C-alpha atoms as a PDB file:
ATOM      1  CA  MET A   1      -0.167   0.030  -0.035  1.00  0.00           C
ATOM      2  CA  SER A   2       1.376   3.311  -0.625  1.00  0.00           C
ATOM      3  CA  ALA A   3       1.899   6.446   1.577  1.00  0.00           C
ATOM      4  CA  GLU A   4      -1.172   8.778   2.052  1.00  0.00           C
ATOM      5  CA  ASN A   5      -1.260  12.291   3.070  1.00  0.00           C
ATOM      6  CA  SER A   6      -4.612  14.088   3.652  1.00  0.00           C
ATOM      7  CA  GLY A   7      -6.810  15.987   6.162  1.00  0.00           C
ATOM      8  CA  LEU A   8      -9.572  13.849   4.993  1.00  0.00           C
ATOM      9  CA  GLU A   9     -10.177  10.061   5.796  1.00  0.00           C
ATOM     10  CA  CYS A  10      -6.958   7.991   5.884  1.00  0.00           C
ATOM     11  CA  ASP A  11      -6.761   4.318   5.654  1.00  0.00           C
ATOM     12  CA  TYR A  12      -3.701   4.470   8.417  1.00  0.00           C
ATOM     13  CA  TYR A  13      -6.186   5.705  11.019  1.00  0.00           C
ATOM     14  CA  TRP A  14      -8.572   2.624  10.475  1.00  0.00           C
ATOM     15  CA  VAL A  15      -7.924  -1.145  11.726  1.00  0.00           C
ATOM     16  CA  ASP A  16     -10.110  -4.086  11.672  1.00  0.00           C
ATOM     17  CA  ILE A  17     -10.746  -5.816  14.655  1.00  0.00           C
ATOM     18  CA  VAL A  18     -11.624  -9.549  13.436  1.00  0.00           C
ATOM     19  CA  ASN A  19     -11.393 -10.998  16.514  1.00  0.00           C
ATOM     20  CA  PRO A  20     -12.610  -8.888  19.290  1.00  0.00           C
ATOM     21  CA  VAL A  21     -11.605 -10.140  22.786  1.00  0.00           C
ATOM     22  CA  ARG A  22     -15.611 -10.323  23.995  1.00  0.00           C
ATOM     23  CA  GLY A  23     -16.602 -12.437  21.228  1.00  0.00           C
ATOM     24  CA  ARG A  24     -18.577  -9.858  19.246  1.00  0.00           C
ATOM     25  CA  ASP A  25     -18.726  -9.048  15.515  1.00  0.00           C
ATOM     26  CA  LYS A  26     -15.826  -7.467  13.947  1.00  0.00           C
ATOM     27  CA  TYR A  27     -15.745  -4.080  13.251  1.00  0.00           C
ATOM     28  CA  THR A  28     -13.619  -1.491  12.125  1.00  0.00           C
ATOM     29  CA  ALA A  29     -12.163   0.888  14.644  1.00  0.00           C
ATOM     30  CA  GLU A  30     -10.900   4.542  13.971  1.00  0.00           C
ATOM     31  CA  ALA A  31      -8.416   6.577  16.151  1.00  0.00           C
ATOM     32  CA  GLN A  32     -10.605   9.710  15.930  1.00  0.00           C
ATOM     33  CA  ASP A  33     -13.483   7.566  17.437  1.00  0.00           C
ATOM     34  CA  ILE A  34     -11.372   6.377  20.315  1.00  0.00           C
ATOM     35  CA  MET A  35      -9.755   9.508  21.188  1.00  0.00           C
ATOM     36  CA  GLU A  36     -13.192  11.130  21.581  1.00  0.00           C
ATOM     37  CA  ALA A  37     -14.986   8.307  23.641  1.00  0.00           C
ATOM     38  CA  LEU A  38     -11.720   8.515  26.015  1.00  0.00           C
ATOM     39  CA  ASN A  39     -12.031  12.638  25.862  1.00  0.00           C
ATOM     40  CA  MET A  40      -8.190  12.582  25.304  1.00  0.00           C
ATOM     41  CA  THR A  41      -6.454  15.750  25.537  1.00  0.00           C
ATOM     42  CA  PHE A  42      -4.478  17.059  22.786  1.00  0.00           C
ATOM     43  CA  THR A  43      -1.390  15.841  24.384  1.00  0.00           C
ATOM     44  CA  GLU A  44      -2.481  12.378  24.814  1.00  0.00           C
ATOM     45  CA  GLY A  45      -4.334  12.424  21.614  1.00  0.00           C
ATOM     46  CA  THR A  46      -0.785  13.207  19.582  1.00  0.00           C
ATOM     47  CA  ILE A  47       0.984  10.445  21.874  1.00  0.00           C
ATOM     48  CA  PHE A  48      -1.705   7.981  20.924  1.00  0.00           C
ATOM     49  CA  LYS A  49      -1.811   9.134  17.090  1.00  0.00           C
ATOM     50  CA  SER A  50       2.225   8.789  16.704  1.00  0.00           C
ATOM     51  CA  LEU A  51       1.901   5.090  18.577  1.00  0.00           C
ATOM     52  CA  TRP A  52      -0.961   4.155  16.122  1.00  0.00           C
ATOM     53  CA  ARG A  53       1.075   5.329  13.118  1.00  0.00           C
ATOM     54  CA  LYS A  54       3.985   3.750  14.150  1.00  0.00           C
ATOM     55  CA  ALA A  55       2.029   0.133  14.781  1.00  0.00           C
ATOM     56  CA  ALA A  56       0.021   1.073  11.130  1.00  0.00           C
ATOM     57  CA  GLU A  57       3.215   1.528   9.310  1.00  0.00           C
ATOM     58  CA  ARG A  58       3.878  -2.298  10.381  1.00  0.00           C
ATOM     59  CA  GLN A  59       0.775  -3.360   8.827  1.00  0.00           C
ATOM     60  CA  GLY A  60       1.638  -1.379   5.534  1.00  0.00           C
ATOM     61  CA  LYS A  61      -0.591   1.762   5.980  1.00  0.00           C
ATOM     62  CA  GLN A  62       1.691   4.846   6.152  1.00  0.00           C
ATOM     63  CA  LYS A  63       1.343   8.606   6.333  1.00  0.00           C
ATOM     64  CA  LEU A  64       3.209  10.467   3.545  1.00  0.00           C
ATOM     65  CA  GLY A  65       6.441  12.140   4.958  1.00  0.00           C
ATOM     66  CA  ASN A  66       6.053  10.457   8.187  1.00  0.00           C
ATOM     67  CA  SER A  67       8.623   7.911   9.709  1.00  0.00           C
ATOM     68  CA  ALA A  68       8.837   6.097  12.758  1.00  0.00           C
ATOM     69  CA  TYR A  69      11.733   8.374  14.199  1.00  0.00           C
ATOM     70  CA  ARG A  70       9.290  11.535  13.966  1.00  0.00           C
ATOM     71  CA  ASP A  71       6.523   9.563  15.627  1.00  0.00           C
ATOM     72  CA  ALA A  72       9.175   8.767  18.587  1.00  0.00           C
ATOM     73  CA  GLN A  73      10.303  12.115  18.779  1.00  0.00           C
ATOM     74  CA  LYS A  74       6.600  13.103  19.316  1.00  0.00           C
ATOM     75  CA  VAL A  75       6.082  10.746  21.921  1.00  0.00           C
ATOM     76  CA  LYS A  76       9.142  11.735  23.949  1.00  0.00           C
ATOM     77  CA  PHE A  77       8.200  15.289  23.120  1.00  0.00           C
ATOM     78  CA  TYR A  78       4.641  15.269  24.517  1.00  0.00           C
ATOM     79  CA  GLY A  79       5.439  12.515  26.886  1.00  0.00           C
ATOM     80  CA  ASP A  80       7.590  14.895  28.593  1.00  0.00           C
ATOM     81  CA  ARG A  81       4.765  17.946  28.607  1.00  0.00           C
ATOM     82  CA  LEU A  82       2.603  15.054  30.102  1.00  0.00           C
ATOM     83  CA  LEU A  83       4.585  14.430  33.066  1.00  0.00           C
ATOM     84  CA  GLY A  84       5.306  18.102  33.580  1.00  0.00           C
ATOM     85  CA  ILE A  85       1.545  18.483  33.254  1.00  0.00           C
ATOM     86  CA  GLU A  86       0.974  15.855  36.068  1.00  0.00           C
ATOM     87  CA  LEU A  87       4.123  17.417  38.292  1.00  0.00           C
ATOM     88  CA  ILE A  88       2.058  20.879  38.410  1.00  0.00           C
ATOM     89  CA  LYS A  89      -1.020  18.663  39.305  1.00  0.00           C
ATOM     90  CA  GLU A  90       0.514  16.943  41.811  1.00  0.00           C
ATOM     91  CA  ASN A  91       2.492  19.861  43.378  1.00  0.00           C
ATOM     92  CA  SER A  92      -0.320  22.086  43.299  1.00  0.00           C
ATOM     93  CA  ALA A  93      -2.290  20.069  45.907  1.00  0.00           C
ATOM     94  CA  ASP A  94      -0.966  20.652  49.286  1.00  0.00           C
ATOM     95  CA  ARG A  95       0.807  17.520  50.347  1.00  0.00           C
ATOM     96  CA  GLY A  96       3.952  19.208  51.823  1.00  0.00           C
ATOM     97  CA  ASP A  97       5.842  18.007  48.415  1.00  0.00           C
ATOM     98  CA  GLN A  98       9.716  19.321  48.436  1.00  0.00           C
ATOM     99  CA  ARG A  99       9.877  18.724  44.872  1.00  0.00           C
ATOM    100  CA  PRO A 100      10.636  21.839  42.769  1.00  0.00           C
ATOM    101  CA  LYS A 101       7.478  23.255  41.395  1.00  0.00           C
ATOM    102  CA  PRO A 102       7.777  24.392  37.839  1.00  0.00           C
ATOM    103  CA  LYS A 103       5.433  27.544  36.456  1.00  0.00           C
ATOM    104  CA  THR A 104       4.740  25.465  32.977  1.00  0.00           C
ATOM    105  CA  PRO A 105       5.235  22.049  32.200  1.00  0.00           C
ATOM    106  CA  GLY A 106       8.362  22.620  29.721  1.00  0.00           C
ATOM    107  CA  ALA A 107      10.040  24.677  32.770  1.00  0.00           C
ATOM    108  CA  TYR A 108      10.340  21.035  34.679  1.00  0.00           C
ATOM    109  CA  TRP A 109      12.570  19.560  31.638  1.00  0.00           C
ATOM    110  CA  LYS A 110      14.922  22.445  31.602  1.00  0.00           C
END
């Protein structure tokens, strides 16, 4: 299958579930549906889509101009942001925590 690049429907964000865990009928899952059903944040959705594209590439579904390395970079960048966001949340609760309190998620990682 050739690589696709579109802001519309793309096969690399679909996957056929042929043997569902709970024995239901087979179905086609789409990344966007899963992201919306789980109410993912932008950061979570970006990580999810990067991992999805990496796995889809192994099935011959590829985004034009994308690479596994670029997706790995995105997972790391947004993973660091997610860790920073969670650290800020944790530190904002009054727990007597002595860890540094960054002003922004990115500030923690510098």
